[in-house]
Every structure is written in C-alpha cells, then in structure tokens.
Amino acid sequence: MKYAYLLINFLTIIFPVLLSFDKRVQYYKSWKYIWPGMAITGMVFLFWDVLFTVKGVWSFNADYITGIAFWGLPIEEILFFLTVPFSCIFIYACLNYYVSWSIPQSVTKVISVILILLSAGMVVTYHDRLYTLVNFGLLLVLLVLLQFVFKPRWLSRYYMAYIVSLLPFYIVNGVLTAVPIVMYNNAENIGKRIGTIPVEDHFYSMALLVMNVGFFEYFKQRKKTATA
C-alpha cells in the first residue's frame, strides 16, 4: 500500500487537530507558539535523518511510501516531524489543563540525573554505533542544559507528557517497524528491541519532544513577556 506511511501521519494528527477547538483546552490558540519550535527542531532532526539515511542507519520500504522525496527523504518522513510533535504537544497541553498535580522538582532532578548517566554510559559503550551515539549524545546535552543550566519548571510536566505519549508512540512506531515501513540497520544500534521497536527510538522520541516542548514554552513565555 503506497500510502501507508502517509496514512499513519494523517491518523497521528487528525484527532489533535479536531480536538484543538475544545472550549476548555483551546489548543488552537497555542498553534502560533508551536510552529517556530517545530521548524527549528525539525531542521536539526531532518539533518540527522538525511545523514542516517545516507549512512545506511535506516532505510524506507518502497512498497509503503509514495515515492515523493526531498534530500533523499520520503515526504512522509518529513511530515513525521510535524505530525508527531504537534500531537505530543497536544498531550502536554491537555495534561497542563486537566492535571494539576506534577512530579516534584526533587524527583524530576533524580529522573534527569538517571537519564544523563544512562546516556553518558551508552555514548561511551556504543560510540561505534552511529544511531546510538548521536541519539544518546543529543539527549545527554539537552538534559544537562535543561536540568542544570536553564532549570525550567515545566520539565517535570514534560516527563509526565512523555510517559503518556508512549501509548501512541508504541502504536505508531510499532506499525512502522513491524510492517516494516522503516527498516533499521542493527549494525548501527545496540540490536535490542521492545517488540519490533529499537530501544534507541524511545530516547529519540524523548529528545525530539523535549526540544519541541522547550521551544513551545520559550515562545509562549516570550509573547507573555512582550505583552506584559
């Protein structure tokens, strides 16, 4: 089915778009804060994506994509960096509205330190695996900056949103890797999977989402400061 990956993108975003106009959350009012961050983050990850495709870290099954490509990437893969962050920031916004409780800052710091140590260990141990090295290296830098330099209070709520986002993550990535639509070269990762999903994908998603949420909060706060 040539439109399979395109259909996955559509199903990923359709409900967040429709529910954006809910009178309580009013997610559509936040769209203007989302686009700049998605553009910046998208450029970083698209560069990474092009590099990985060229280096054979992964490839795409021609039976499930339209064949339209830019810079060697299927159009569906490029859309992935719009549909997935948009939908996950929607989860983040809903949690902010409906859930008043958040992870204590002390616990947030513990989570960050554990992830930082894990990332550092993976970088050292698997420095010869490109996907593992770049994936955990980026996450390591992001979390060190956030936890110890910028210290945003939203980080605890991001971790909550990430946990909730794992449900659609397993559905979407499960289909992409089970069919498979995206095929991974195990010589460039640790070769361990949860179901059909490489372990690294969980941390790839974490880095992608924390960058998007960070820029979302930055542009939203900048607007509030400008109008204060």
Protein backbone atom coordinates (compact mmCIF):
# COMPACT_ATOMS: atom_id res chain seq x y z
CA MET A 1 0.00 0.00 0.00
CA LYS A 2 1.84 3.06 -1.29
CA TYR A 3 0.01 5.44 1.04
CA ALA A 4 0.56 3.51 4.29
CA TYR A 5 3.13 5.88 5.84
CA LEU A 6 1.13 8.89 4.66
CA LEU A 7 -1.99 7.43 6.28
CA ILE A 8 -0.11 6.93 9.56
CA ASN A 9 0.84 10.62 9.52
CA PHE A 10 -2.76 11.60 8.85
CA LEU A 11 -4.15 9.43 11.67
CA THR A 12 -1.49 10.75 14.05
CA ILE A 13 -2.56 14.36 13.62
CA ILE A 14 -6.27 14.28 12.77
CA PHE A 15 -7.63 13.91 16.32
CA PRO A 16 -5.36 16.56 17.90
CA VAL A 17 -6.36 18.96 15.11
CA LEU A 18 -10.08 18.29 15.59
CA LEU A 19 -9.82 18.43 19.39
CA SER A 20 -7.80 21.66 19.23
CA PHE A 21 -11.07 23.57 19.23
CA ASP A 22 -12.29 22.09 22.51
CA LYS A 23 -13.65 25.03 24.54
CA ARG A 24 -11.63 24.10 27.61
CA VAL A 25 -8.11 23.39 26.37
CA GLN A 26 -8.39 25.67 23.28
CA TYR A 27 -5.23 24.19 21.81
CA TYR A 28 -5.68 26.12 18.57
CA LYS A 29 -4.75 29.31 20.43
CA SER A 30 -1.31 27.82 21.09
CA TRP A 31 -0.57 26.92 17.49
CA LYS A 32 1.37 30.14 16.92
CA TYR A 33 3.82 29.10 19.65
CA ILE A 34 4.29 25.62 18.19
CA TRP A 35 5.34 26.35 14.60
CA PRO A 36 8.64 28.20 15.29
CA GLY A 37 9.88 25.46 17.61
CA MET A 38 8.83 22.71 15.23
CA ALA A 39 10.71 24.47 12.41
CA ILE A 40 13.92 24.75 14.46
CA THR A 41 13.72 21.24 15.87
CA GLY A 42 12.68 19.86 12.51
CA MET A 43 15.80 21.25 10.83
CA VAL A 44 18.02 19.57 13.44
CA PHE A 45 16.31 16.22 13.13
CA LEU A 46 15.98 16.36 9.35
CA PHE A 47 19.74 16.93 9.07
CA TRP A 48 20.19 13.92 11.32
CA ASP A 49 17.65 11.94 9.27
CA VAL A 50 19.35 12.70 5.95
CA LEU A 51 22.72 11.74 7.42
CA PHE A 52 21.37 8.46 8.79
CA THR A 53 19.70 7.59 5.51
CA VAL A 54 22.91 8.25 3.58
CA LYS A 55 24.96 6.25 6.10
CA GLY A 56 22.55 3.33 5.99
CA VAL A 57 21.41 3.59 9.60
CA TRP A 58 17.89 3.06 8.31
CA SER A 59 16.01 2.84 5.02
CA PHE A 60 12.42 3.04 3.83
CA ASN A 61 10.34 0.30 2.29
CA ALA A 62 9.33 1.47 -1.19
CA ASP A 63 6.14 -0.61 -1.03
CA TYR A 64 4.64 1.71 1.61
CA ILE A 65 5.67 5.21 0.54
CA THR A 66 4.51 7.41 -2.32
CA GLY A 67 7.98 7.86 -3.81
CA ILE A 68 7.97 11.64 -3.40
CA ALA A 69 11.26 12.61 -1.76
CA PHE A 70 13.33 15.65 -0.80
CA TRP A 71 17.04 15.44 0.06
CA GLY A 72 16.70 11.67 -0.21
CA LEU A 73 13.93 11.52 2.42
CA PRO A 74 10.38 10.37 1.68
CA ILE A 75 7.85 13.17 2.08
CA GLU A 76 6.18 11.00 4.73
CA GLU A 77 9.32 11.03 6.88
CA ILE A 78 9.48 14.83 6.67
CA LEU A 79 5.81 15.08 7.68
CA PHE A 80 6.59 12.83 10.66
CA PHE A 81 8.47 15.76 12.25
CA LEU A 82 5.32 17.85 12.05
CA THR A 83 2.58 15.39 12.93
CA VAL A 84 4.25 13.68 15.88
CA PRO A 85 5.46 16.83 17.75
CA PHE A 86 2.14 18.58 17.12
CA SER A 87 0.25 15.64 18.60
CA CYS A 88 2.58 15.23 21.57
CA ILE A 89 2.49 18.92 22.47
CA PHE A 90 -1.29 18.50 22.39
CA ILE A 91 -0.91 15.78 25.04
CA TYR A 92 1.33 18.12 27.04
CA ALA A 93 -1.22 20.96 26.79
CA CYS A 94 -4.10 18.70 27.85
CA LEU A 95 -2.19 17.46 30.88
CA ASN A 96 -1.41 21.04 31.85
CA TYR A 97 -5.09 21.87 31.74
CA TYR A 98 -6.66 18.78 33.28
CA VAL A 99 -3.99 17.57 35.75
CA SER A 100 -2.94 19.97 38.49
CA TRP A 101 -0.51 17.53 40.13
CA SER A 102 3.03 17.32 38.77
CA ILE A 103 6.19 15.41 39.61
CA PRO A 104 8.07 17.15 42.47
CA GLN A 105 11.15 19.06 41.35
CA SER A 106 13.37 16.86 43.52
CA VAL A 107 12.08 13.75 41.74
CA THR A 108 12.43 15.48 38.38
CA LYS A 109 16.10 16.06 39.13
CA VAL A 110 16.59 12.40 40.02
CA ILE A 111 14.95 11.34 36.75
CA SER A 112 17.14 13.73 34.79
CA VAL A 113 20.33 12.54 36.50
CA ILE A 114 19.45 8.90 35.84
CA LEU A 115 18.80 9.66 32.17
CA ILE A 116 22.01 11.72 31.93
CA LEU A 117 24.08 8.89 33.43
CA LEU A 118 22.36 6.34 31.19
CA SER A 119 23.01 8.49 28.12
CA ALA A 120 26.66 9.01 29.06
CA GLY A 121 27.09 5.27 29.58
CA MET A 122 25.52 4.46 26.22
CA VAL A 123 27.71 7.02 24.44
CA VAL A 124 30.87 5.54 25.93
CA THR A 125 29.85 1.91 25.47
CA TYR A 126 28.40 2.18 21.97
CA HIS A 127 30.47 5.00 20.45
CA ASP A 128 30.93 2.85 17.34
CA ARG A 129 27.15 2.63 16.64
CA LEU A 130 26.07 5.81 14.85
CA TYR A 131 22.39 5.77 15.81
CA THR A 132 23.13 5.02 19.44
CA LEU A 133 25.96 7.55 19.67
CA VAL A 134 24.10 10.50 18.14
CA ASN A 135 20.81 9.64 19.83
CA PHE A 136 22.11 9.43 23.38
CA GLY A 137 24.69 12.17 22.79
CA LEU A 138 21.99 14.67 21.87
CA LEU A 139 19.76 13.62 24.76
CA LEU A 140 22.72 13.93 27.15
CA VAL A 141 23.42 17.52 26.06
CA LEU A 142 19.75 18.54 26.15
CA LEU A 143 19.12 17.17 29.64
CA VAL A 144 22.30 18.63 31.12
CA LEU A 145 21.36 22.06 29.74
CA LEU A 146 17.77 21.85 30.90
CA GLN A 147 18.34 20.39 34.36
CA PHE A 148 21.47 22.27 35.39
CA VAL A 149 21.60 25.43 33.27
CA PHE A 150 18.11 26.61 32.32
CA LYS A 151 16.24 24.75 35.12
CA PRO A 152 12.72 25.15 33.67
CA ARG A 153 9.83 24.24 35.95
CA TRP A 154 7.98 22.68 33.03
CA LEU A 155 10.46 19.79 32.85
CA SER A 156 8.51 17.77 35.42
CA ARG A 157 5.34 18.12 33.37
CA TYR A 158 7.25 17.20 30.23
CA TYR A 159 8.22 13.89 31.82
CA MET A 160 4.56 13.24 32.58
CA ALA A 161 3.58 14.03 29.00
CA TYR A 162 6.35 11.79 27.68
CA ILE A 163 5.02 8.85 29.67
CA VAL A 164 1.52 9.42 28.29
CA SER A 165 2.93 9.83 24.76
CA LEU A 166 4.35 6.31 24.94
CA LEU A 167 0.91 4.89 24.18
CA PRO A 168 0.62 6.49 20.70
CA PHE A 169 4.40 6.00 20.31
CA TYR A 170 4.02 2.22 20.60
CA ILE A 171 1.14 2.24 18.15
CA VAL A 172 2.80 4.42 15.50
CA ASN A 173 6.36 3.10 15.82
CA GLY A 174 5.05 -0.40 16.27
CA VAL A 175 3.38 -0.26 12.85
CA LEU A 176 6.36 1.48 11.22
CA THR A 177 8.81 -1.17 12.43
CA ALA A 178 6.57 -4.26 12.28
CA VAL A 179 5.38 -3.92 8.67
CA PRO A 180 8.19 -2.75 8.22
CA ILE A 181 7.96 0.70 6.66
CA VAL A 182 11.18 1.92 8.29
CA MET A 183 13.97 -0.67 8.30
CA TYR A 184 16.88 -0.38 10.73
CA ASN A 185 20.45 -1.50 10.25
CA ASN A 186 21.28 -3.28 13.52
CA ALA A 187 24.99 -2.70 12.94
CA GLU A 188 24.35 0.95 13.84
CA ASN A 189 22.29 0.36 17.00
CA ILE A 190 22.58 -1.91 20.03
CA GLY A 191 20.35 -4.53 18.41
CA LYS A 192 17.83 -4.65 21.25
CA ARG A 193 14.13 -4.10 20.63
CA ILE A 194 10.92 -3.77 22.59
CA GLY A 195 8.59 -5.71 20.37
CA THR A 196 9.78 -4.54 16.95
CA ILE A 197 10.88 -1.06 18.11
CA PRO A 198 14.62 -0.41 18.63
CA VAL A 199 15.41 0.67 22.19
CA GLU A 200 17.02 3.85 20.84
CA ASP A 201 13.72 5.01 19.36
CA HIS A 202 12.35 5.65 22.87
CA PHE A 203 15.15 8.13 23.55
CA TYR A 204 14.97 9.56 20.02
CA SER A 205 11.35 10.40 20.82
CA MET A 206 12.37 11.85 24.18
CA ALA A 207 14.90 14.21 22.59
CA LEU A 208 12.52 15.21 19.79
CA LEU A 209 9.71 16.01 22.19
CA VAL A 210 11.74 17.83 24.83
CA MET A 211 13.15 20.16 22.17
CA ASN A 212 9.67 20.88 20.84
CA VAL A 213 8.17 21.44 24.29
CA GLY A 214 11.13 23.63 25.24
CA PHE A 215 10.69 25.90 22.24
CA PHE A 216 6.91 25.89 22.72
CA GLU A 217 7.34 27.15 26.29
CA TYR A 218 10.01 29.64 25.23
CA PHE A 219 7.92 31.28 22.51
CA LYS A 220 4.82 31.27 24.70
CA GLN A 221 6.68 32.94 27.58
CA ARG A 222 8.32 35.46 25.25
CA LYS A 223 4.89 36.50 23.99
CA LYS A 224 3.59 36.91 27.54
CA THR A 225 6.63 39.00 28.50
CA ALA A 226 6.22 41.22 25.43
CA THR A 227 2.57 41.94 26.23
CA ALA A 228 3.04 42.39 29.98
